Amino acid sequence: MIKKVVNRIVSNAGMKGGVVDVIITSDDKVYEINNEFLGHNYYTDIITFDYNSGKTVNGEIYISAERVRENAEKFGVSAISEMKRVIFHGFLHLCGYDDRTAEEKRRMSEMEEMYLALSYAE
């Protein structure tokens, strides 16, 4: 079901599928990547590297399994639901959506929720 929704995210953005590696790893590894490549000295649940070629979605998505579990508990949702949300978040980034401003964060959050609901409906 995740793949079907990811395909929908990509097509709704007017993009086409390419090669995206989703790497589920440790909190420490994601922290290390965040620090080394982005210069950020903090933990995060996801880091997305965009290697798109024109309208073809290509990239790498690194997800901290520990951070996903922690956030699921914090937000009172299942770990599966939170993992789906984070994966969809990464693909939204690859499709050109950002979350730097409050408005962008609100819009991305709305889309995450819509695609999460879709993942349970189909």
PDB file of N, CA and C in Angstrom:
ATOM      1  N   MET A   1       0.817  -1.208   0.000  1.00  0.00           N
ATOM      2  CA  MET A   1       0.000   0.000   0.000  1.00  0.00           C
ATOM      3  C   MET A   1       0.858   1.267   0.000  1.00  0.00           C
ATOM      4  N   ILE A   2       2.011   1.223   0.652  1.00  0.00           N
ATOM      5  CA  ILE A   2       2.884   2.394   0.676  1.00  0.00           C
ATOM      6  C   ILE A   2       3.331   2.739  -0.746  1.00  0.00           C
ATOM      7  N   LYS A   3       3.725   1.739  -1.501  1.00  0.00           N
ATOM      8  CA  LYS A   3       4.190   1.971  -2.873  1.00  0.00           C
ATOM      9  C   LYS A   3       3.099   2.617  -3.729  1.00  0.00           C
ATOM     10  N   LYS A   4       1.870   2.158  -3.556  1.00  0.00           N
ATOM     11  CA  LYS A   4       0.749   2.709  -4.328  1.00  0.00           C
ATOM     12  C   LYS A   4       0.543   4.195  -4.009  1.00  0.00           C
ATOM     13  N   VAL A   5       0.622   4.540  -2.730  1.00  0.00           N
ATOM     14  CA  VAL A   5       0.447   5.943  -2.332  1.00  0.00           C
ATOM     15  C   VAL A   5       1.641   6.780  -2.792  1.00  0.00           C
ATOM     16  N   VAL A   6       2.836   6.240  -2.690  1.00  0.00           N
ATOM     17  CA  VAL A   6       4.023   6.955  -3.174  1.00  0.00           C
ATOM     18  C   VAL A   6       3.885   7.239  -4.671  1.00  0.00           C
ATOM     19  N   ASN A   7       3.422   6.273  -5.422  1.00  0.00           N
ATOM     20  CA  ASN A   7       3.195   6.494  -6.857  1.00  0.00           C
ATOM     21  C   ASN A   7       2.182   7.608  -7.080  1.00  0.00           C
ATOM     22  N   ARG A   8       1.172   7.679  -6.236  1.00  0.00           N
ATOM     23  CA  ARG A   8       0.163   8.743  -6.327  1.00  0.00           C
ATOM     24  C   ARG A   8       0.788  10.106  -6.019  1.00  0.00           C
ATOM     25  N   ILE A   9       1.617  10.166  -4.989  1.00  0.00           N
ATOM     26  CA  ILE A   9       2.298  11.422  -4.641  1.00  0.00           C
ATOM     27  C   ILE A   9       3.096  11.920  -5.841  1.00  0.00           C
ATOM     28  N   VAL A  10       3.865  11.018  -6.432  1.00  0.00           N
ATOM     29  CA  VAL A  10       4.717  11.369  -7.566  1.00  0.00           C
ATOM     30  C   VAL A  10       3.876  11.828  -8.754  1.00  0.00           C
ATOM     31  N   SER A  11       2.838  11.072  -9.101  1.00  0.00           N
ATOM     32  CA  SER A  11       2.018  11.451 -10.262  1.00  0.00           C
ATOM     33  C   SER A  11       1.228  12.727 -10.007  1.00  0.00           C
ATOM     34  N   ASN A  12       0.713  12.914  -8.789  1.00  0.00           N
ATOM     35  CA  ASN A  12      -0.025  14.148  -8.471  1.00  0.00           C
ATOM     36  C   ASN A  12       0.863  15.387  -8.578  1.00  0.00           C
ATOM     37  N   ALA A  13       2.164  15.197  -8.385  1.00  0.00           N
ATOM     38  CA  ALA A  13       3.105  16.319  -8.489  1.00  0.00           C
ATOM     39  C   ALA A  13       3.559  16.549  -9.929  1.00  0.00           C
ATOM     40  N   GLY A  14       3.034  15.746 -10.861  1.00  0.00           N
ATOM     41  CA  GLY A  14       3.421  15.894 -12.254  1.00  0.00           C
ATOM     42  C   GLY A  14       4.805  15.330 -12.543  1.00  0.00           C
ATOM     43  N   MET A  15       5.241  14.403 -11.693  1.00  0.00           N
ATOM     44  CA  MET A  15       6.559  13.803 -11.835  1.00  0.00           C
ATOM     45  C   MET A  15       6.403  12.354 -12.277  1.00  0.00           C
ATOM     46  N   LYS A  16       7.520  11.707 -12.572  1.00  0.00           N
ATOM     47  CA  LYS A  16       7.479  10.281 -12.851  1.00  0.00           C
ATOM     48  C   LYS A  16       8.516   9.574 -11.983  1.00  0.00           C
ATOM     49  N   GLY A  17       8.237   8.311 -11.733  1.00  0.00           N
ATOM     50  CA  GLY A  17       9.085   7.538 -10.841  1.00  0.00           C
ATOM     51  C   GLY A  17      10.436   7.213 -11.423  1.00  0.00           C
ATOM     52  N   GLY A  18      11.428   7.252 -10.567  1.00  0.00           N
ATOM     53  CA  GLY A  18      12.787   6.868 -10.920  1.00  0.00           C
ATOM     54  C   GLY A  18      13.279   5.880  -9.881  1.00  0.00           C
ATOM     55  N   VAL A  19      14.440   6.137  -9.326  1.00  0.00           N
ATOM     56  CA  VAL A  19      15.023   5.265  -8.303  1.00  0.00           C
ATOM     57  C   VAL A  19      15.173   6.057  -7.018  1.00  0.00           C
ATOM     58  N   VAL A  20      14.490   5.573  -5.977  1.00  0.00           N
ATOM     59  CA  VAL A  20      14.601   6.185  -4.654  1.00  0.00           C
ATOM     60  C   VAL A  20      14.914   5.080  -3.665  1.00  0.00           C
ATOM     61  N   ASP A  21      16.024   5.244  -2.955  1.00  0.00           N
ATOM     62  CA  ASP A  21      16.389   4.309  -1.901  1.00  0.00           C
ATOM     63  C   ASP A  21      15.863   4.855  -0.586  1.00  0.00           C
ATOM     64  N   VAL A  22      15.103   4.023   0.124  1.00  0.00           N
ATOM     65  CA  VAL A  22      14.617   4.380   1.458  1.00  0.00           C
ATOM     66  C   VAL A  22      15.412   3.526   2.437  1.00  0.00           C
ATOM     67  N   ILE A  23      16.228   4.187   3.240  1.00  0.00           N
ATOM     68  CA  ILE A  23      17.115   3.504   4.175  1.00  0.00           C
ATOM     69  C   ILE A  23      16.614   3.768   5.589  1.00  0.00           C
ATOM     70  N   ILE A  24      16.181   2.716   6.245  1.00  0.00           N
ATOM     71  CA  ILE A  24      15.725   2.831   7.632  1.00  0.00           C
ATOM     72  C   ILE A  24      16.914   2.432   8.497  1.00  0.00           C
ATOM     73  N   THR A  25      17.363   3.359   9.334  1.00  0.00           N
ATOM     74  CA  THR A  25      18.603   3.177  10.062  1.00  0.00           C
ATOM     75  C   THR A  25      18.469   3.705  11.487  1.00  0.00           C
ATOM     76  N   SER A  26      19.599   3.898  12.138  1.00  0.00           N
ATOM     77  CA  SER A  26      19.607   4.313  13.542  1.00  0.00           C
ATOM     78  C   SER A  26      19.562   5.832  13.699  1.00  0.00           C
ATOM     79  N   ASP A  27      19.187   6.252  14.888  1.00  0.00           N
ATOM     80  CA  ASP A  27      19.195   7.659  15.247  1.00  0.00           C
ATOM     81  C   ASP A  27      20.593   8.249  15.064  1.00  0.00           C
ATOM     82  N   ASP A  28      21.604   7.512  15.523  1.00  0.00           N
ATOM     83  CA  ASP A  28      22.979   8.004  15.431  1.00  0.00           C
ATOM     84  C   ASP A  28      23.420   8.182  13.982  1.00  0.00           C
ATOM     85  N   LYS A  29      23.046   7.264  13.109  1.00  0.00           N
ATOM     86  CA  LYS A  29      23.428   7.369  11.700  1.00  0.00           C
ATOM     87  C   LYS A  29      22.770   8.584  11.043  1.00  0.00           C
ATOM     88  N   VAL A  30      21.499   8.803  11.314  1.00  0.00           N
ATOM     89  CA  VAL A  30      20.798   9.963  10.733  1.00  0.00           C
ATOM     90  C   VAL A  30      21.396  11.257  11.289  1.00  0.00           C
ATOM     91  N   TYR A  31      21.732  11.258  12.574  1.00  0.00           N
ATOM     92  CA  TYR A  31      22.397  12.421  13.175  1.00  0.00           C
ATOM     93  C   TYR A  31      23.726  12.697  12.468  1.00  0.00           C
ATOM     94  N   GLU A  32      24.510  11.642  12.258  1.00  0.00           N
ATOM     95  CA  GLU A  32      25.809  11.753  11.597  1.00  0.00           C
ATOM     96  C   GLU A  32      25.655  12.341  10.191  1.00  0.00           C
ATOM     97  N   ILE A  33      24.682  11.847   9.439  1.00  0.00           N
ATOM     98  CA  ILE A  33      24.432  12.347   8.083  1.00  0.00           C
ATOM     99  C   ILE A  33      23.983  13.809   8.137  1.00  0.00           C
ATOM    100  N   ASN A  34      23.093  14.118   9.064  1.00  0.00           N
ATOM    101  CA  ASN A  34      22.585  15.475   9.227  1.00  0.00           C
ATOM    102  C   ASN A  34      23.735  16.440   9.519  1.00  0.00           C
ATOM    103  N   ASN A  35      24.642  16.028  10.373  1.00  0.00           N
ATOM    104  CA  ASN A  35      25.771  16.865  10.749  1.00  0.00           C
ATOM    105  C   ASN A  35      26.773  16.993   9.607  1.00  0.00           C
ATOM    106  N   GLU A  36      27.130  15.864   8.987  1.00  0.00           N
ATOM    107  CA  GLU A  36      28.165  15.854   7.950  1.00  0.00           C
ATOM    108  C   GLU A  36      27.743  16.573   6.674  1.00  0.00           C
ATOM    109  N   PHE A  37      26.534  16.299   6.207  1.00  0.00           N
ATOM    110  CA  PHE A  37      26.118  16.821   4.909  1.00  0.00           C
ATOM    111  C   PHE A  37      25.323  18.119   4.982  1.00  0.00           C
ATOM    112  N   LEU A  38      24.640  18.350   6.088  1.00  0.00           N
ATOM    113  CA  LEU A  38      23.805  19.548   6.194  1.00  0.00           C
ATOM    114  C   LEU A  38      24.303  20.542   7.236  1.00  0.00           C
ATOM    115  N   GLY A  39      25.312  20.131   8.013  1.00  0.00           N
ATOM    116  CA  GLY A  39      25.859  21.023   9.038  1.00  0.00           C
ATOM    117  C   GLY A  39      24.930  21.243  10.216  1.00  0.00           C
ATOM    118  N   HIS A  40      23.945  20.348  10.399  1.00  0.00           N
ATOM    119  CA  HIS A  40      22.990  20.471  11.501  1.00  0.00           C
ATOM    120  C   HIS A  40      23.442  19.600  12.662  1.00  0.00           C
ATOM    121  N   ASN A  41      23.475  20.173  13.833  1.00  0.00           N
ATOM    122  CA  ASN A  41      23.938  19.464  15.025  1.00  0.00           C
ATOM    123  C   ASN A  41      22.746  19.045  15.880  1.00  0.00           C
ATOM    124  N   TYR A  42      21.812  18.281  15.265  1.00  0.00           N
ATOM    125  CA  TYR A  42      20.649  17.801  16.005  1.00  0.00           C
ATOM    126  C   TYR A  42      20.091  16.546  15.348  1.00  0.00           C
ATOM    127  N   TYR A  43      19.300  15.835  16.137  1.00  0.00           N
ATOM    128  CA  TYR A  43      18.645  14.619  15.657  1.00  0.00           C
ATOM    129  C   TYR A  43      17.408  14.983  14.860  1.00  0.00           C
ATOM    130  N   THR A  44      17.065  14.143  13.900  1.00  0.00           N
ATOM    131  CA  THR A  44      15.864  14.331  13.094  1.00  0.00           C
ATOM    132  C   THR A  44      15.345  12.962  12.671  1.00  0.00           C
ATOM    133  N   ASP A  45      14.099  12.909  12.262  1.00  0.00           N
ATOM    134  CA  ASP A  45      13.520  11.619  11.869  1.00  0.00           C
ATOM    135  C   ASP A  45      13.843  11.243  10.433  1.00  0.00           C
ATOM    136  N   ILE A  46      14.112  12.239   9.584  1.00  0.00           N
ATOM    137  CA  ILE A  46      14.311  11.956   8.158  1.00  0.00           C
ATOM    138  C   ILE A  46      15.248  12.974   7.523  1.00  0.00           C
ATOM    139  N   ILE A  47      16.040  12.468   6.597  1.00  0.00           N
ATOM    140  CA  ILE A  47      16.861  13.324   5.733  1.00  0.00           C
ATOM    141  C   ILE A  47      16.644  12.827   4.305  1.00  0.00           C
ATOM    142  N   THR A  48      16.390  13.763   3.412  1.00  0.00           N
ATOM    143  CA  THR A  48      16.117  13.420   2.020  1.00  0.00           C
ATOM    144  C   THR A  48      17.156  14.076   1.120  1.00  0.00           C
ATOM    145  N   PHE A  49      17.754  13.271   0.256  1.00  0.00           N
ATOM    146  CA  PHE A  49      18.684  13.781  -0.746  1.00  0.00           C
ATOM    147  C   PHE A  49      18.016  13.671  -2.105  1.00  0.00           C
ATOM    148  N   ASP A  50      17.887  14.807  -2.766  1.00  0.00           N
ATOM    149  CA  ASP A  50      17.209  14.914  -4.056  1.00  0.00           C
ATOM    150  C   ASP A  50      18.226  14.774  -5.184  1.00  0.00           C
ATOM    151  N   TYR A  51      18.070  13.714  -5.968  1.00  0.00           N
ATOM    152  CA  TYR A  51      18.910  13.506  -7.148  1.00  0.00           C
ATOM    153  C   TYR A  51      18.042  13.499  -8.404  1.00  0.00           C
ATOM    154  N   ASN A  52      16.947  14.246  -8.364  1.00  0.00           N
ATOM    155  CA  ASN A  52      16.010  14.258  -9.484  1.00  0.00           C
ATOM    156  C   ASN A  52      16.712  14.638 -10.789  1.00  0.00           C
ATOM    157  N   SER A  53      16.177  14.071 -11.869  1.00  0.00           N
ATOM    158  CA  SER A  53      16.636  14.396 -13.205  1.00  0.00           C
ATOM    159  C   SER A  53      15.417  14.896 -13.961  1.00  0.00           C
ATOM    160  N   GLY A  54      15.313  16.200 -14.105  1.00  0.00           N
ATOM    161  CA  GLY A  54      14.121  16.778 -14.734  1.00  0.00           C
ATOM    162  C   GLY A  54      12.890  16.441 -13.915  1.00  0.00           C
ATOM    163  N   LYS A  55      11.935  15.779 -14.537  1.00  0.00           N
ATOM    164  CA  LYS A  55      10.681  15.409 -13.870  1.00  0.00           C
ATOM    165  C   LYS A  55      10.716  13.982 -13.312  1.00  0.00           C
ATOM    166  N   THR A  56      11.899  13.356 -13.321  1.00  0.00           N
ATOM    167  CA  THR A  56      12.029  11.996 -12.798  1.00  0.00           C
ATOM    168  C   THR A  56      12.540  12.048 -11.363  1.00  0.00           C
ATOM    169  N   VAL A  57      11.790  11.432 -10.467  1.00  0.00           N
ATOM    170  CA  VAL A  57      12.118  11.429  -9.045  1.00  0.00           C
ATOM    171  C   VAL A  57      13.206  10.389  -8.765  1.00  0.00           C
ATOM    172  N   ASN A  58      14.323  10.870  -8.249  1.00  0.00           N
ATOM    173  CA  ASN A  58      15.436  10.031  -7.827  1.00  0.00           C
ATOM    174  C   ASN A  58      15.962  10.592  -6.510  1.00  0.00           C
ATOM    175  N   GLY A  59      16.380   9.709  -5.614  1.00  0.00           N
ATOM    176  CA  GLY A  59      16.942  10.221  -4.376  1.00  0.00           C
ATOM    177  C   GLY A  59      17.211   9.159  -3.355  1.00  0.00           C
ATOM    178  N   GLU A  60      17.589   9.633  -2.184  1.00  0.00           N
ATOM    179  CA  GLU A  60      17.803   8.782  -1.015  1.00  0.00           C
ATOM    180  C   GLU A  60      17.040   9.387   0.146  1.00  0.00           C
ATOM    181  N   ILE A  61      16.386   8.521   0.891  1.00  0.00           N
ATOM    182  CA  ILE A  61      15.649   8.942   2.083  1.00  0.00           C
ATOM    183  C   ILE A  61      16.187   8.118   3.248  1.00  0.00           C
ATOM    184  N   TYR A  62      16.766   8.806   4.225  1.00  0.00           N
ATOM    185  CA  TYR A  62      17.277   8.153   5.435  1.00  0.00           C
ATOM    186  C   TYR A  62      16.297   8.423   6.573  1.00  0.00           C
ATOM    187  N   ILE A  63      15.858   7.357   7.227  1.00  0.00           N
ATOM    188  CA  ILE A  63      14.865   7.468   8.292  1.00  0.00           C
ATOM    189  C   ILE A  63      15.414   6.832   9.564  1.00  0.00           C
ATOM    190  N   SER A  64      15.276   7.539  10.670  1.00  0.00           N
ATOM    191  CA  SER A  64      15.668   7.013  11.973  1.00  0.00           C
ATOM    192  C   SER A  64      14.509   6.204  12.554  1.00  0.00           C
ATOM    193  N   ALA A  65      14.721   4.886  12.666  1.00  0.00           N
ATOM    194  CA  ALA A  65      13.678   4.014  13.230  1.00  0.00           C
ATOM    195  C   ALA A  65      13.368   4.409  14.667  1.00  0.00           C
ATOM    196  N   GLU A  66      14.397   4.752  15.436  1.00  0.00           N
ATOM    197  CA  GLU A  66      14.184   5.140  16.839  1.00  0.00           C
ATOM    198  C   GLU A  66      13.363   6.422  16.944  1.00  0.00           C
ATOM    199  N   ARG A  67      13.686   7.390  16.098  1.00  0.00           N
ATOM    200  CA  ARG A  67      12.971   8.674  16.130  1.00  0.00           C
ATOM    201  C   ARG A  67      11.516   8.476  15.714  1.00  0.00           C
ATOM    202  N   VAL A  68      11.269   7.600  14.742  1.00  0.00           N
ATOM    203  CA  VAL A  68       9.898   7.310  14.305  1.00  0.00           C
ATOM    204  C   VAL A  68       9.108   6.691  15.460  1.00  0.00           C
ATOM    205  N   ARG A  69       9.708   5.715  16.153  1.00  0.00           N
ATOM    206  CA  ARG A  69       9.025   5.095  17.304  1.00  0.00           C
ATOM    207  C   ARG A  69       8.751   6.114  18.403  1.00  0.00           C
ATOM    208  N   GLU A  70       9.746   6.954  18.675  1.00  0.00           N
ATOM    209  CA  GLU A  70       9.593   7.980  19.708  1.00  0.00           C
ATOM    210  C   GLU A  70       8.487   8.966  19.342  1.00  0.00           C
ATOM    211  N   ASN A  71       8.474   9.408  18.085  1.00  0.00           N
ATOM    212  CA  ASN A  71       7.443  10.352  17.650  1.00  0.00           C
ATOM    213  C   ASN A  71       6.057   9.706  17.638  1.00  0.00           C
ATOM    214  N   ALA A  72       5.984   8.441  17.290  1.00  0.00           N
ATOM    215  CA  ALA A  72       4.692   7.741  17.313  1.00  0.00           C
ATOM    216  C   ALA A  72       4.124   7.751  18.724  1.00  0.00           C
ATOM    217  N   GLU A  73       4.969   7.458  19.690  1.00  0.00           N
ATOM    218  CA  GLU A  73       4.528   7.466  21.084  1.00  0.00           C
ATOM    219  C   GLU A  73       4.125   8.876  21.514  1.00  0.00           C
ATOM    220  N   LYS A  74       4.936   9.849  21.153  1.00  0.00           N
ATOM    221  CA  LYS A  74       4.684  11.252  21.496  1.00  0.00           C
ATOM    222  C   LYS A  74       3.341  11.744  20.937  1.00  0.00           C
ATOM    223  N   PHE A  75       3.041  11.346  19.685  1.00  0.00           N
ATOM    224  CA  PHE A  75       1.820  11.815  19.024  1.00  0.00           C
ATOM    225  C   PHE A  75       0.645  10.863  19.184  1.00  0.00           C
ATOM    226  N   GLY A  76       0.861   9.741  19.874  1.00  0.00           N
ATOM    227  CA  GLY A  76      -0.230   8.795  20.135  1.00  0.00           C
ATOM    228  C   GLY A  76      -0.733   8.075  18.897  1.00  0.00           C
ATOM    229  N   VAL A  77       0.192   7.734  17.999  1.00  0.00           N
ATOM    230  CA  VAL A  77      -0.162   6.988  16.793  1.00  0.00           C
ATOM    231  C   VAL A  77       0.680   5.719  16.748  1.00  0.00           C
ATOM    232  N   SER A  78       0.318   4.804  15.875  1.00  0.00           N
ATOM    233  CA  SER A  78       1.103   3.578  15.754  1.00  0.00           C
ATOM    234  C   SER A  78       2.434   3.877  15.057  1.00  0.00           C
ATOM    235  N   ALA A  79       3.425   3.036  15.316  1.00  0.00           N
ATOM    236  CA  ALA A  79       4.724   3.192  14.669  1.00  0.00           C
ATOM    237  C   ALA A  79       4.592   3.023  13.149  1.00  0.00           C
ATOM    238  N   ILE A  80       3.708   2.138  12.720  1.00  0.00           N
ATOM    239  CA  ILE A  80       3.479   1.940  11.281  1.00  0.00           C
ATOM    240  C   ILE A  80       2.923   3.214  10.647  1.00  0.00           C
ATOM    241  N   SER A  81       1.961   3.811  11.300  1.00  0.00           N
ATOM    242  CA  SER A  81       1.368   5.040  10.793  1.00  0.00           C
ATOM    243  C   SER A  81       2.412   6.154  10.711  1.00  0.00           C
ATOM    244  N   GLU A  82       3.224   6.287  11.740  1.00  0.00           N
ATOM    245  CA  GLU A  82       4.257   7.329  11.744  1.00  0.00           C
ATOM    246  C   GLU A  82       5.312   7.047  10.670  1.00  0.00           C
ATOM    247  N   MET A  83       5.660   5.788  10.467  1.00  0.00           N
ATOM    248  CA  MET A  83       6.638   5.448   9.430  1.00  0.00           C
ATOM    249  C   MET A  83       6.084   5.810   8.047  1.00  0.00           C
ATOM    250  N   LYS A  84       4.819   5.499   7.801  1.00  0.00           N
ATOM    251  CA  LYS A  84       4.206   5.880   6.527  1.00  0.00           C
ATOM    252  C   LYS A  84       4.259   7.390   6.344  1.00  0.00           C
ATOM    253  N   ARG A  85       3.896   8.129   7.398  1.00  0.00           N
ATOM    254  CA  ARG A  85       3.882   9.589   7.313  1.00  0.00           C
ATOM    255  C   ARG A  85       5.265  10.115   6.948  1.00  0.00           C
ATOM    256  N   VAL A  86       6.298   9.575   7.575  1.00  0.00           N
ATOM    257  CA  VAL A  86       7.664  10.034   7.320  1.00  0.00           C
ATOM    258  C   VAL A  86       8.097   9.680   5.888  1.00  0.00           C
ATOM    259  N   ILE A  87       7.769   8.500   5.432  1.00  0.00           N
ATOM    260  CA  ILE A  87       8.085   8.122   4.042  1.00  0.00           C
ATOM    261  C   ILE A  87       7.386   9.064   3.067  1.00  0.00           C
ATOM    262  N   PHE A  88       6.113   9.328   3.294  1.00  0.00           N
ATOM    263  CA  PHE A  88       5.379  10.247   2.419  1.00  0.00           C
ATOM    264  C   PHE A  88       6.006  11.637   2.464  1.00  0.00           C
ATOM    265  N   HIS A  89       6.443  12.061   3.643  1.00  0.00           N
ATOM    266  CA  HIS A  89       7.108  13.351   3.814  1.00  0.00           C
ATOM    267  C   HIS A  89       8.348  13.425   2.909  1.00  0.00           C
ATOM    268  N   GLY A  90       9.149  12.363   2.924  1.00  0.00           N
ATOM    269  CA  GLY A  90      10.347  12.326   2.087  1.00  0.00           C
ATOM    270  C   GLY A  90      10.028  12.425   0.611  1.00  0.00           C
ATOM    271  N   PHE A  91       9.001  11.701   0.180  1.00  0.00           N
ATOM    272  CA  PHE A  91       8.625  11.760  -1.236  1.00  0.00           C
ATOM    273  C   PHE A  91       8.043  13.118  -1.605  1.00  0.00           C
ATOM    274  N   LEU A  92       7.340  13.752  -0.691  1.00  0.00           N
ATOM    275  CA  LEU A  92       6.850  15.109  -0.960  1.00  0.00           C
ATOM    276  C   LEU A  92       8.025  16.059  -1.181  1.00  0.00           C
ATOM    277  N   HIS A  93       9.080  15.911  -0.370  1.00  0.00           N
ATOM    278  CA  HIS A  93      10.286  16.721  -0.599  1.00  0.00           C
ATOM    279  C   HIS A  93      10.862  16.452  -1.985  1.00  0.00           C
ATOM    280  N   LEU A  94      10.948  15.182  -2.364  1.00  0.00           N
ATOM    281  CA  LEU A  94      11.496  14.845  -3.679  1.00  0.00           C
ATOM    282  C   LEU A  94      10.641  15.392  -4.820  1.00  0.00           C
ATOM    283  N   CYS A  95       9.385  15.641  -4.532  1.00  0.00           N
ATOM    284  CA  CYS A  95       8.470  16.177  -5.552  1.00  0.00           C
ATOM    285  C   CYS A  95       8.409  17.703  -5.516  1.00  0.00           C
ATOM    286  N   GLY A  96       9.302  18.322  -4.743  1.00  0.00           N
ATOM    287  CA  GLY A  96       9.421  19.778  -4.780  1.00  0.00           C
ATOM    288  C   GLY A  96       8.779  20.534  -3.644  1.00  0.00           C
ATOM    289  N   TYR A  97       8.148  19.833  -2.713  1.00  0.00           N
ATOM    290  CA  TYR A  97       7.522  20.520  -1.589  1.00  0.00           C
ATOM    291  C   TYR A  97       8.552  20.760  -0.495  1.00  0.00           C
ATOM    292  N   ASP A  98       8.414  21.886   0.179  1.00  0.00           N
ATOM    293  CA  ASP A  98       9.356  22.235   1.234  1.00  0.00           C
ATOM    294  C   ASP A  98       8.605  22.497   2.532  1.00  0.00           C
ATOM    295  N   ASP A  99       9.356  22.618   3.615  1.00  0.00           N
ATOM    296  CA  ASP A  99       8.732  22.868   4.921  1.00  0.00           C
ATOM    297  C   ASP A  99       9.566  23.838   5.749  1.00  0.00           C
ATOM    298  N   ARG A 100      10.076  24.853   5.085  1.00  0.00           N
ATOM    299  CA  ARG A 100      10.917  25.841   5.775  1.00  0.00           C
ATOM    300  C   ARG A 100      10.094  26.906   6.484  1.00  0.00           C
ATOM    301  N   THR A 101       8.995  27.326   5.875  1.00  0.00           N
ATOM    302  CA  THR A 101       8.160  28.357   6.495  1.00  0.00           C
ATOM    303  C   THR A 101       6.957  27.714   7.178  1.00  0.00           C
ATOM    304  N   ALA A 102       6.285  28.479   8.000  1.00  0.00           N
ATOM    305  CA  ALA A 102       5.090  27.982   8.693  1.00  0.00           C
ATOM    306  C   ALA A 102       4.023  27.556   7.686  1.00  0.00           C
ATOM    307  N   GLU A 103       3.844  28.331   6.619  1.00  0.00           N
ATOM    308  CA  GLU A 103       2.847  27.999   5.598  1.00  0.00           C
ATOM    309  C   GLU A 103       3.225  26.714   4.867  1.00  0.00           C
ATOM    310  N   GLU A 104       4.497  26.563   4.523  1.00  0.00           N
ATOM    311  CA  GLU A 104       4.946  25.339   3.854  1.00  0.00           C
ATOM    312  C   GLU A 104       4.774  24.123   4.770  1.00  0.00           C
ATOM    313  N   LYS A 105       5.085  24.291   6.046  1.00  0.00           N
ATOM    314  CA  LYS A 105       4.914  23.195   7.012  1.00  0.00           C
ATOM    315  C   LYS A 105       3.454  22.785   7.109  1.00  0.00           C
ATOM    316  N   ARG A 106       2.563  23.785   7.163  1.00  0.00           N
ATOM    317  CA  ARG A 106       1.127  23.504   7.241  1.00  0.00           C
ATOM    318  C   ARG A 106       0.661  22.746   6.007  1.00  0.00           C
ATOM    319  N   ARG A 107       1.085  23.195   4.842  1.00  0.00           N
ATOM    320  CA  ARG A 107       0.684  22.551   3.590  1.00  0.00           C
ATOM    321  C   ARG A 107       1.224  21.124   3.510  1.00  0.00           C
ATOM    322  N   MET A 108       2.482  20.934   3.881  1.00  0.00           N
ATOM    323  CA  MET A 108       3.062  19.599   3.822  1.00  0.00           C
ATOM    324  C   MET A 108       2.369  18.677   4.817  1.00  0.00           C
ATOM    325  N   SER A 109       2.074  19.172   5.991  1.00  0.00           N
ATOM    326  CA  SER A 109       1.376  18.380   7.005  1.00  0.00           C
ATOM    327  C   SER A 109      -0.005  17.945   6.509  1.00  0.00           C
ATOM    328  N   GLU A 110      -0.706  18.851   5.858  1.00  0.00           N
ATOM    329  CA  GLU A 110      -2.018  18.523   5.279  1.00  0.00           C
ATOM    330  C   GLU A 110      -1.888  17.414   4.240  1.00  0.00           C
ATOM    331  N   MET A 111      -0.877  17.520   3.388  1.00  0.00           N
ATOM    332  CA  MET A 111      -0.686  16.498   2.360  1.00  0.00           C
ATOM    333  C   MET A 111      -0.282  15.158   2.986  1.00  0.00           C
ATOM    334  N   GLU A 112       0.572  15.189   4.001  1.00  0.00           N
ATOM    335  CA  GLU A 112       0.946  13.951   4.692  1.00  0.00           C
ATOM    336  C   GLU A 112      -0.300  13.257   5.236  1.00  0.00           C
ATOM    337  N   GLU A 113      -1.160  14.019   5.884  1.00  0.00           N
ATOM    338  CA  GLU A 113      -2.383  13.449   6.468  1.00  0.00           C
ATOM    339  C   GLU A 113      -3.310  12.897   5.391  1.00  0.00           C
ATOM    340  N   MET A 114      -3.426  13.614   4.276  1.00  0.00           N
ATOM    341  CA  MET A 114      -4.273  13.148   3.182  1.00  0.00           C
ATOM    342  C   MET A 114      -3.748  11.817   2.629  1.00  0.00           C
ATOM    343  N   TYR A 115      -2.447  11.750   2.385  1.00  0.00           N
ATOM    344  CA  TYR A 115      -1.873  10.520   1.836  1.00  0.00           C
ATOM    345  C   TYR A 115      -1.874   9.392   2.861  1.00  0.00           C
ATOM    346  N   LEU A 116      -1.724   9.729   4.125  1.00  0.00           N
ATOM    347  CA  LEU A 116      -1.802   8.708   5.178  1.00  0.00           C
ATOM    348  C   LEU A 116      -3.201   8.105   5.220  1.00  0.00           C
ATOM    349  N   ALA A 117      -4.226   8.957   5.151  1.00  0.00           N
ATOM    350  CA  ALA A 117      -5.609   8.457   5.116  1.00  0.00           C
ATOM    351  C   ALA A 117      -5.837   7.596   3.891  1.00  0.00           C
ATOM    352  N   LEU A 118      -5.294   8.003   2.768  1.00  0.00           N
ATOM    353  CA  LEU A 118      -5.422   7.236   1.531  1.00  0.00           C
ATOM    354  C   LEU A 118      -4.761   5.865   1.675  1.00  0.00           C
ATOM    355  N   SER A 119      -3.671   5.795   2.414  1.00  0.00           N
ATOM    356  CA  SER A 119      -2.958   4.526   2.577  1.00  0.00           C
ATOM    357  C   SER A 119      -3.776   3.506   3.352  1.00  0.00           C
ATOM    358  N   TYR A 120      -4.738   3.986   4.135  1.00  0.00           N
ATOM    359  CA  TYR A 120      -5.595   3.080   4.899  1.00  0.00           C
ATOM    360  C   TYR A 120      -6.911   2.806   4.164  1.00  0.00           C
ATOM    361  N   ALA A 121      -7.247   3.685   3.211  1.00  0.00           N
ATOM    362  CA  ALA A 121      -8.537   3.559   2.513  1.00  0.00           C
ATOM    363  C   ALA A 121      -8.477   2.576   1.357  1.00  0.00           C
ATOM    364  N   GLU A 122      -7.349   2.473   0.707  1.00  0.00           N
ATOM    365  CA  GLU A 122      -7.257   1.640  -0.504  1.00  0.00           C
ATOM    366  C   GLU A 122      -6.938   0.201  -0.183  1.00  0.00           C
TER     367      GLU A 122
END
